[in-house]
Structures are given as C-alpha cells and as structure tokens.
Amino acid sequence: MKAMKLPSAQTFEEWREAEKEYLSNLKHKPEGDILKMQYLETLVKLMAANADITDLQGIGAYARASASSRHLEMARARSLENLLTLQEAVQDLESKLEIGEHWEKGSPAWIATQAMIDSRAYRQAINKLEGLVVGRLFELGKVHQAGTGM
C-alpha cells in the first residue's frame, strides 16, 4: 500500500463498493431511453426512405428509365412498402412515448437522444476492445508470457 501511496486498506473497499454500484446501474437501462433511441433510429430510416421514394417518383426518373420501367416500378413499390412500414413503426413508438409531433433534426430531444446513441456505441466498442485484451492475456497466460511485452 505504501508503494501505491494509498492512505489505508479501506480505500480498496471504497473502490470495490463504487465499482459494484456502477455495475449494478449498468444492468437495467430505463425503458424510456431504449424507446427514445429506437424512435430516433427509426426516424432517421424514415427520412432516408422518404428521400428514396421522392427520387423514384420524380418524372425525370421515369423519363430517363423508360427502357427499364418494370425494374423502376419494382424499386418504387419496394421503397413505398419500406416507407409505410417505417411510418407504422414511428407511429407506434410515438404512441408509446406519448410524442405529439415528429422530432425535428437539431431539436433538443433529438440531440439528447443522439448523444445517448453515440455513448452506447462508444461503450460497445470499449467492451469489445476489453474482451479482446482479456482474451489475449489469457492466451499469453497459457504459454506463461503475460507481461513480457509480446
């Protein structure tokens, strides 16, 4: 303990309790936060689907692709079906979250939820990296090379 410059053995116990509390808080994500993240992801997909269907319904698109109109019509039908499915998903999430109007890009709710999504992605990347490091340490431990810099 002196080498680590710790005041007492109680410090270890405090660290353990703090880590225990942190890990117990990670067990349960609030349902509302999960739904908000799902809602925002679905809204982004809906915006992309709206852009796709708008591109496919343009008169110029039909004129340019008169030779492949059957292919274009199939693509338009698939895009329209995707759009309708996403609209239903958004409406379902809005009713669960009691949202009156779609969130607009840049709104406070959008920004806060996007931050949660970014944080989740960061934590998932850190967890994956931690798993890889631990796996590597186990491999090195099997051949008694842990701590050798290999």
N, C-alpha and C. Protein backbone atom coordinates (compact mmCIF):
# COMPACT_ATOMS: atom_id res chain seq x y z
N MET A 1 0.82 -1.20 0.00
CA MET A 1 0.00 0.00 0.00
C MET A 1 0.86 1.26 0.00
N LYS A 2 1.97 1.20 0.68
CA LYS A 2 2.84 2.38 0.71
C LYS A 2 3.40 2.66 -0.68
N ALA A 3 3.72 1.59 -1.42
CA ALA A 3 4.26 1.77 -2.77
C ALA A 3 3.22 2.42 -3.68
N MET A 4 1.95 2.12 -3.43
CA MET A 4 0.87 2.68 -4.25
C MET A 4 0.38 4.02 -3.70
N LYS A 5 0.94 4.44 -2.58
CA LYS A 5 0.58 5.70 -1.92
C LYS A 5 -0.90 5.78 -1.60
N LEU A 6 -1.43 4.69 -1.02
CA LEU A 6 -2.82 4.64 -0.58
C LEU A 6 -2.88 4.90 0.92
N PRO A 7 -3.87 5.67 1.37
CA PRO A 7 -3.93 6.00 2.80
C PRO A 7 -4.22 4.80 3.70
N SER A 8 -5.10 3.89 3.24
CA SER A 8 -5.45 2.75 4.11
C SER A 8 -6.04 1.63 3.27
N ALA A 9 -6.24 0.50 3.92
CA ALA A 9 -6.86 -0.64 3.24
C ALA A 9 -8.32 -0.35 2.94
N GLN A 10 -8.90 0.59 3.65
CA GLN A 10 -10.29 0.98 3.43
C GLN A 10 -10.50 1.52 2.01
N THR A 11 -9.47 2.07 1.41
CA THR A 11 -9.55 2.61 0.06
C THR A 11 -9.98 1.52 -0.93
N PHE A 12 -9.42 0.33 -0.78
CA PHE A 12 -9.79 -0.78 -1.66
C PHE A 12 -11.27 -1.11 -1.51
N GLU A 13 -11.73 -1.11 -0.28
CA GLU A 13 -13.15 -1.40 -0.02
C GLU A 13 -14.04 -0.33 -0.65
N GLU A 14 -13.63 0.93 -0.59
CA GLU A 14 -14.40 2.01 -1.20
C GLU A 14 -14.43 1.85 -2.72
N TRP A 15 -13.30 1.49 -3.30
CA TRP A 15 -13.25 1.28 -4.74
C TRP A 15 -14.17 0.13 -5.15
N ARG A 16 -14.14 -0.94 -4.36
CA ARG A 16 -14.97 -2.10 -4.67
C ARG A 16 -16.46 -1.73 -4.61
N GLU A 17 -16.84 -0.98 -3.60
CA GLU A 17 -18.24 -0.56 -3.48
C GLU A 17 -18.65 0.37 -4.62
N ALA A 18 -17.76 1.26 -5.00
CA ALA A 18 -18.07 2.18 -6.11
C ALA A 18 -18.24 1.39 -7.41
N GLU A 19 -17.37 0.41 -7.64
CA GLU A 19 -17.47 -0.40 -8.85
C GLU A 19 -18.74 -1.25 -8.82
N LYS A 20 -19.07 -1.78 -7.66
CA LYS A 20 -20.29 -2.58 -7.51
C LYS A 20 -21.53 -1.75 -7.85
N GLU A 21 -21.57 -0.52 -7.36
CA GLU A 21 -22.70 0.37 -7.64
C GLU A 21 -22.77 0.70 -9.13
N TYR A 22 -21.61 0.97 -9.72
CA TYR A 22 -21.55 1.29 -11.16
C TYR A 22 -22.08 0.12 -11.98
N LEU A 23 -21.62 -1.09 -11.67
CA LEU A 23 -22.03 -2.26 -12.43
C LEU A 23 -23.51 -2.58 -12.23
N SER A 24 -24.02 -2.37 -11.04
CA SER A 24 -25.45 -2.63 -10.82
C SER A 24 -26.31 -1.63 -11.59
N ASN A 25 -25.82 -0.40 -11.77
CA ASN A 25 -26.56 0.59 -12.56
C ASN A 25 -26.55 0.25 -14.04
N LEU A 26 -25.56 -0.51 -14.50
CA LEU A 26 -25.50 -0.89 -15.90
C LEU A 26 -26.47 -2.00 -16.24
N LYS A 27 -26.94 -2.74 -15.25
CA LYS A 27 -27.81 -3.88 -15.51
C LYS A 27 -29.13 -3.48 -16.15
N HIS A 28 -29.69 -2.37 -15.72
CA HIS A 28 -31.03 -2.01 -16.15
C HIS A 28 -31.01 -0.67 -16.87
N LYS A 29 -31.29 -0.71 -18.16
CA LYS A 29 -31.46 0.52 -18.92
C LYS A 29 -32.91 0.96 -18.76
N PRO A 30 -33.15 2.23 -18.54
CA PRO A 30 -34.54 2.69 -18.47
C PRO A 30 -35.26 2.42 -19.79
N GLU A 31 -36.46 1.89 -19.70
CA GLU A 31 -37.24 1.54 -20.88
C GLU A 31 -37.46 2.75 -21.78
N GLY A 32 -37.69 3.90 -21.16
CA GLY A 32 -37.92 5.12 -21.95
C GLY A 32 -36.72 5.48 -22.80
N ASP A 33 -35.52 5.33 -22.24
CA ASP A 33 -34.30 5.66 -23.00
C ASP A 33 -34.14 4.72 -24.19
N ILE A 34 -34.42 3.46 -23.99
CA ILE A 34 -34.31 2.48 -25.08
C ILE A 34 -35.30 2.83 -26.19
N LEU A 35 -36.52 3.16 -25.79
CA LEU A 35 -37.54 3.52 -26.78
C LEU A 35 -37.18 4.81 -27.52
N LYS A 36 -36.60 5.78 -26.80
CA LYS A 36 -36.20 7.03 -27.44
C LYS A 36 -35.12 6.77 -28.48
N MET A 37 -34.14 5.93 -28.13
CA MET A 37 -33.07 5.63 -29.08
C MET A 37 -33.64 4.88 -30.29
N GLN A 38 -34.55 3.96 -30.04
CA GLN A 38 -35.18 3.22 -31.14
C GLN A 38 -36.00 4.17 -32.00
N TYR A 39 -36.69 5.10 -31.38
CA TYR A 39 -37.50 6.07 -32.10
C TYR A 39 -36.63 6.93 -33.02
N LEU A 40 -35.52 7.43 -32.48
CA LEU A 40 -34.65 8.27 -33.29
C LEU A 40 -34.05 7.49 -34.45
N GLU A 41 -33.62 6.27 -34.20
CA GLU A 41 -33.06 5.46 -35.29
C GLU A 41 -34.11 5.20 -36.36
N THR A 42 -35.35 4.97 -35.96
CA THR A 42 -36.42 4.73 -36.91
C THR A 42 -36.75 6.00 -37.69
N LEU A 43 -36.71 7.14 -37.01
CA LEU A 43 -36.95 8.41 -37.69
C LEU A 43 -35.90 8.67 -38.77
N VAL A 44 -34.65 8.36 -38.47
CA VAL A 44 -33.58 8.55 -39.45
C VAL A 44 -33.82 7.65 -40.66
N LYS A 45 -34.22 6.40 -40.41
CA LYS A 45 -34.53 5.49 -41.52
C LYS A 45 -35.72 5.99 -42.32
N LEU A 46 -36.72 6.54 -41.63
CA LEU A 46 -37.90 7.08 -42.31
C LEU A 46 -37.52 8.25 -43.22
N MET A 47 -36.64 9.11 -42.73
CA MET A 47 -36.20 10.25 -43.55
C MET A 47 -35.48 9.75 -44.81
N ALA A 48 -34.64 8.73 -44.66
CA ALA A 48 -33.93 8.17 -45.82
C ALA A 48 -34.92 7.53 -46.79
N ALA A 49 -35.93 6.83 -46.26
CA ALA A 49 -36.93 6.20 -47.12
C ALA A 49 -37.75 7.26 -47.86
N ASN A 50 -38.06 8.36 -47.18
CA ASN A 50 -38.77 9.47 -47.84
C ASN A 50 -37.96 10.02 -48.99
N ALA A 51 -36.67 10.17 -48.78
CA ALA A 51 -35.80 10.68 -49.85
C ALA A 51 -35.75 9.70 -51.02
N ASP A 52 -35.69 8.39 -50.72
CA ASP A 52 -35.66 7.38 -51.79
C ASP A 52 -36.93 7.41 -52.62
N ILE A 53 -38.07 7.45 -51.95
CA ILE A 53 -39.33 7.41 -52.68
C ILE A 53 -39.52 8.69 -53.48
N THR A 54 -39.04 9.81 -52.95
CA THR A 54 -39.14 11.08 -53.69
C THR A 54 -38.30 11.01 -54.96
N ASP A 55 -37.10 10.43 -54.85
CA ASP A 55 -36.25 10.28 -56.04
C ASP A 55 -36.90 9.38 -57.08
N LEU A 56 -37.52 8.29 -56.63
CA LEU A 56 -38.10 7.33 -57.57
C LEU A 56 -39.41 7.82 -58.18
N GLN A 57 -40.09 8.75 -57.52
CA GLN A 57 -41.36 9.24 -58.06
C GLN A 57 -41.20 10.46 -58.96
N GLY A 58 -39.98 10.94 -59.09
CA GLY A 58 -39.75 12.10 -59.95
C GLY A 58 -40.05 11.76 -61.40
N ILE A 59 -40.63 12.71 -62.12
CA ILE A 59 -40.99 12.50 -63.53
C ILE A 59 -39.73 12.24 -64.35
N GLY A 60 -38.66 12.94 -64.05
CA GLY A 60 -37.42 12.77 -64.78
C GLY A 60 -36.88 11.36 -64.65
N ALA A 61 -37.07 10.76 -63.48
CA ALA A 61 -36.59 9.40 -63.28
C ALA A 61 -37.31 8.44 -64.21
N TYR A 62 -38.62 8.64 -64.38
CA TYR A 62 -39.38 7.77 -65.29
C TYR A 62 -38.96 8.00 -66.74
N ALA A 63 -38.75 9.25 -67.10
CA ALA A 63 -38.38 9.56 -68.48
C ALA A 63 -37.01 8.98 -68.82
N ARG A 64 -36.07 9.10 -67.88
CA ARG A 64 -34.72 8.61 -68.14
C ARG A 64 -34.67 7.09 -68.19
N ALA A 65 -35.59 6.45 -67.52
CA ALA A 65 -35.52 4.99 -67.42
C ALA A 65 -36.69 4.32 -68.12
N SER A 66 -37.12 4.86 -69.22
CA SER A 66 -38.28 4.28 -69.91
C SER A 66 -38.01 2.85 -70.36
N ALA A 67 -36.77 2.55 -70.69
CA ALA A 67 -36.43 1.19 -71.13
C ALA A 67 -36.50 0.21 -69.97
N SER A 68 -36.24 0.68 -68.78
CA SER A 68 -36.24 -0.24 -67.63
C SER A 68 -37.36 0.13 -66.66
N SER A 69 -38.53 0.47 -67.21
CA SER A 69 -39.64 0.93 -66.35
C SER A 69 -40.13 -0.17 -65.41
N ARG A 70 -40.07 -1.41 -65.84
CA ARG A 70 -40.51 -2.50 -64.96
C ARG A 70 -39.60 -2.58 -63.73
N HIS A 71 -38.30 -2.49 -63.96
CA HIS A 71 -37.35 -2.51 -62.86
C HIS A 71 -37.56 -1.30 -61.94
N LEU A 72 -37.78 -0.15 -62.54
CA LEU A 72 -38.01 1.06 -61.77
C LEU A 72 -39.30 0.97 -60.96
N GLU A 73 -40.33 0.41 -61.54
CA GLU A 73 -41.61 0.28 -60.83
C GLU A 73 -41.47 -0.69 -59.65
N MET A 74 -40.70 -1.75 -59.83
CA MET A 74 -40.47 -2.69 -58.71
C MET A 74 -39.70 -2.00 -57.59
N ALA A 75 -38.71 -1.21 -57.94
CA ALA A 75 -37.94 -0.48 -56.94
C ALA A 75 -38.82 0.52 -56.20
N ARG A 76 -39.69 1.20 -56.96
CA ARG A 76 -40.61 2.16 -56.34
C ARG A 76 -41.57 1.48 -55.38
N ALA A 77 -42.09 0.31 -55.77
CA ALA A 77 -43.01 -0.43 -54.92
C ALA A 77 -42.32 -0.89 -53.63
N ARG A 78 -41.08 -1.36 -53.76
CA ARG A 78 -40.33 -1.79 -52.56
C ARG A 78 -40.06 -0.60 -51.65
N SER A 79 -39.70 0.53 -52.23
CA SER A 79 -39.44 1.73 -51.43
C SER A 79 -40.70 2.21 -50.73
N LEU A 80 -41.83 2.16 -51.43
CA LEU A 80 -43.09 2.58 -50.84
C LEU A 80 -43.48 1.66 -49.69
N GLU A 81 -43.30 0.36 -49.87
CA GLU A 81 -43.60 -0.60 -48.81
C GLU A 81 -42.71 -0.34 -47.59
N ASN A 82 -41.44 -0.09 -47.83
CA ASN A 82 -40.50 0.21 -46.75
C ASN A 82 -40.91 1.48 -46.02
N LEU A 83 -41.31 2.49 -46.78
CA LEU A 83 -41.75 3.76 -46.21
C LEU A 83 -42.96 3.56 -45.30
N LEU A 84 -43.94 2.80 -45.78
CA LEU A 84 -45.14 2.56 -44.98
C LEU A 84 -44.83 1.79 -43.70
N THR A 85 -43.95 0.82 -43.79
CA THR A 85 -43.55 0.05 -42.61
C THR A 85 -42.88 0.95 -41.58
N LEU A 86 -41.99 1.81 -42.05
CA LEU A 86 -41.30 2.73 -41.13
C LEU A 86 -42.27 3.74 -40.52
N GLN A 87 -43.24 4.20 -41.31
CA GLN A 87 -44.23 5.13 -40.76
C GLN A 87 -45.04 4.47 -39.64
N GLU A 88 -45.41 3.22 -39.83
CA GLU A 88 -46.13 2.50 -38.79
C GLU A 88 -45.28 2.34 -37.54
N ALA A 89 -43.99 2.02 -37.72
CA ALA A 89 -43.09 1.86 -36.58
C ALA A 89 -42.94 3.18 -35.82
N VAL A 90 -42.80 4.28 -36.55
CA VAL A 90 -42.67 5.59 -35.92
C VAL A 90 -43.94 5.93 -35.14
N GLN A 91 -45.10 5.68 -35.73
CA GLN A 91 -46.36 5.97 -35.05
C GLN A 91 -46.51 5.14 -33.78
N ASP A 92 -46.11 3.88 -33.84
CA ASP A 92 -46.18 3.01 -32.67
C ASP A 92 -45.28 3.54 -31.55
N LEU A 93 -44.06 3.91 -31.90
CA LEU A 93 -43.13 4.44 -30.89
C LEU A 93 -43.61 5.79 -30.35
N GLU A 94 -44.20 6.62 -31.21
CA GLU A 94 -44.72 7.90 -30.74
C GLU A 94 -45.85 7.70 -29.74
N SER A 95 -46.69 6.70 -29.97
CA SER A 95 -47.77 6.47 -29.01
C SER A 95 -47.22 5.92 -27.69
N LYS A 96 -46.20 5.06 -27.76
CA LYS A 96 -45.61 4.52 -26.52
C LYS A 96 -44.90 5.62 -25.73
N LEU A 97 -44.25 6.53 -26.42
CA LEU A 97 -43.51 7.60 -25.76
C LEU A 97 -44.36 8.85 -25.54
N GLU A 98 -45.59 8.82 -26.02
CA GLU A 98 -46.52 9.96 -25.91
C GLU A 98 -45.92 11.22 -26.54
N ILE A 99 -45.44 11.06 -27.77
CA ILE A 99 -44.87 12.17 -28.53
C ILE A 99 -45.95 12.69 -29.47
N GLY A 100 -46.20 13.99 -29.43
CA GLY A 100 -47.24 14.59 -30.26
C GLY A 100 -46.84 14.77 -31.71
N GLU A 101 -45.64 15.25 -31.94
CA GLU A 101 -45.15 15.52 -33.29
C GLU A 101 -43.78 14.89 -33.47
N HIS A 102 -43.45 14.59 -34.75
CA HIS A 102 -42.10 14.05 -35.03
C HIS A 102 -41.05 14.99 -34.47
N TRP A 103 -39.98 14.41 -33.97
CA TRP A 103 -38.83 15.23 -33.60
C TRP A 103 -38.19 15.78 -34.86
N GLU A 104 -37.74 16.98 -34.80
CA GLU A 104 -37.03 17.59 -35.92
C GLU A 104 -35.54 17.46 -35.68
N LYS A 105 -34.81 17.29 -36.75
CA LYS A 105 -33.35 17.20 -36.64
C LYS A 105 -32.83 18.50 -36.04
N GLY A 106 -32.03 18.36 -34.97
CA GLY A 106 -31.48 19.53 -34.29
C GLY A 106 -32.29 19.96 -33.08
N SER A 107 -33.45 19.34 -32.84
CA SER A 107 -34.25 19.69 -31.67
C SER A 107 -33.55 19.17 -30.41
N PRO A 108 -33.86 19.75 -29.24
CA PRO A 108 -33.20 19.30 -28.01
C PRO A 108 -33.39 17.79 -27.74
N ALA A 109 -34.58 17.27 -28.00
CA ALA A 109 -34.82 15.85 -27.78
C ALA A 109 -33.98 15.01 -28.73
N TRP A 110 -33.88 15.45 -29.98
CA TRP A 110 -33.07 14.73 -30.98
C TRP A 110 -31.61 14.71 -30.55
N ILE A 111 -31.09 15.86 -30.16
CA ILE A 111 -29.68 15.97 -29.78
C ILE A 111 -29.37 15.12 -28.55
N ALA A 112 -30.25 15.16 -27.54
CA ALA A 112 -30.02 14.37 -26.32
C ALA A 112 -30.04 12.88 -26.63
N THR A 113 -30.98 12.45 -27.45
CA THR A 113 -31.08 11.03 -27.78
C THR A 113 -29.91 10.60 -28.67
N GLN A 114 -29.48 11.46 -29.57
CA GLN A 114 -28.32 11.14 -30.41
C GLN A 114 -27.08 10.97 -29.54
N ALA A 115 -26.97 11.78 -28.50
CA ALA A 115 -25.83 11.65 -27.57
C ALA A 115 -25.88 10.30 -26.86
N MET A 116 -27.09 9.85 -26.48
CA MET A 116 -27.22 8.53 -25.85
C MET A 116 -26.81 7.43 -26.82
N ILE A 117 -27.21 7.55 -28.07
CA ILE A 117 -26.85 6.54 -29.07
C ILE A 117 -25.35 6.51 -29.28
N ASP A 118 -24.74 7.69 -29.38
CA ASP A 118 -23.28 7.76 -29.56
C ASP A 118 -22.56 7.17 -28.36
N SER A 119 -23.05 7.46 -27.17
CA SER A 119 -22.44 6.93 -25.95
C SER A 119 -22.56 5.41 -25.91
N ARG A 120 -23.71 4.90 -26.34
CA ARG A 120 -23.91 3.44 -26.36
C ARG A 120 -22.94 2.79 -27.34
N ALA A 121 -22.77 3.39 -28.50
CA ALA A 121 -21.84 2.84 -29.49
C ALA A 121 -20.41 2.86 -28.96
N TYR A 122 -20.05 3.94 -28.26
CA TYR A 122 -18.71 4.04 -27.68
C TYR A 122 -18.50 2.95 -26.62
N ARG A 123 -19.49 2.77 -25.74
CA ARG A 123 -19.37 1.74 -24.69
C ARG A 123 -19.28 0.35 -25.30
N GLN A 124 -20.04 0.10 -26.36
CA GLN A 124 -19.97 -1.21 -27.01
C GLN A 124 -18.59 -1.45 -27.61
N ALA A 125 -18.00 -0.41 -28.20
CA ALA A 125 -16.64 -0.55 -28.76
C ALA A 125 -15.62 -0.80 -27.66
N ILE A 126 -15.76 -0.10 -26.54
CA ILE A 126 -14.85 -0.30 -25.41
C ILE A 126 -15.00 -1.71 -24.85
N ASN A 127 -16.24 -2.18 -24.73
CA ASN A 127 -16.47 -3.54 -24.23
C ASN A 127 -15.84 -4.59 -25.15
N LYS A 128 -15.96 -4.38 -26.44
CA LYS A 128 -15.36 -5.32 -27.39
C LYS A 128 -13.85 -5.31 -27.27
N LEU A 129 -13.27 -4.12 -27.17
CA LEU A 129 -11.83 -3.99 -27.02
C LEU A 129 -11.36 -4.65 -25.72
N GLU A 130 -12.09 -4.43 -24.66
CA GLU A 130 -11.74 -5.05 -23.37
C GLU A 130 -11.78 -6.57 -23.48
N GLY A 131 -12.77 -7.10 -24.17
CA GLY A 131 -12.86 -8.55 -24.36
C GLY A 131 -11.68 -9.08 -25.15
N LEU A 132 -11.25 -8.34 -26.16
CA LEU A 132 -10.10 -8.77 -26.95
C LEU A 132 -8.82 -8.76 -26.11
N VAL A 133 -8.65 -7.72 -25.29
CA VAL A 133 -7.46 -7.63 -24.44
C VAL A 133 -7.44 -8.77 -23.43
N VAL A 134 -8.56 -9.02 -22.79
CA VAL A 134 -8.63 -10.10 -21.80
C VAL A 134 -8.37 -11.45 -22.47
N GLY A 135 -8.93 -11.64 -23.65
CA GLY A 135 -8.68 -12.89 -24.38
C GLY A 135 -7.21 -13.07 -24.70
N ARG A 136 -6.57 -11.98 -25.11
CA ARG A 136 -5.13 -12.04 -25.42
C ARG A 136 -4.31 -12.34 -24.17
N LEU A 137 -4.70 -11.73 -23.05
CA LEU A 137 -4.00 -12.01 -21.80
C LEU A 137 -4.14 -13.48 -21.39
N PHE A 138 -5.30 -14.05 -21.59
CA PHE A 138 -5.48 -15.47 -21.28
C PHE A 138 -4.60 -16.32 -22.18
N GLU A 139 -4.54 -15.97 -23.47
CA GLU A 139 -3.68 -16.72 -24.39
C GLU A 139 -2.22 -16.65 -23.95
N LEU A 140 -1.77 -15.45 -23.59
CA LEU A 140 -0.39 -15.29 -23.15
C LEU A 140 -0.15 -16.00 -21.82
N GLY A 141 -1.16 -15.99 -20.96
CA GLY A 141 -1.04 -16.69 -19.68
C GLY A 141 -0.87 -18.19 -19.86
N LYS A 142 -1.50 -18.74 -20.89
CA LYS A 142 -1.39 -20.18 -21.14
C LYS A 142 0.04 -20.59 -21.47
N VAL A 143 0.76 -19.71 -22.13
CA VAL A 143 2.15 -20.03 -22.51
C VAL A 143 3.13 -19.30 -21.59
N HIS A 144 2.66 -18.75 -20.48
CA HIS A 144 3.46 -18.10 -19.45
C HIS A 144 4.25 -16.93 -20.03
N GLN A 145 3.61 -16.14 -20.88
CA GLN A 145 4.29 -14.99 -21.47
C GLN A 145 3.61 -13.67 -21.12
N ALA A 146 2.62 -13.70 -20.24
CA ALA A 146 1.94 -12.46 -19.88
C ALA A 146 2.94 -11.51 -19.21
N GLY A 147 2.92 -10.27 -19.59
CA GLY A 147 3.81 -9.27 -19.01
C GLY A 147 5.19 -9.24 -19.63
N THR A 148 5.41 -9.98 -20.73
CA THR A 148 6.72 -9.99 -21.35
C THR A 148 6.81 -9.02 -22.52
N GLY A 149 5.71 -8.35 -22.86
CA GLY A 149 5.74 -7.40 -23.96
C GLY A 149 5.50 -8.05 -25.30
N MET A 150 5.15 -9.30 -25.36
CA MET A 150 4.90 -9.99 -26.64
C MET A 150 3.44 -9.92 -26.98
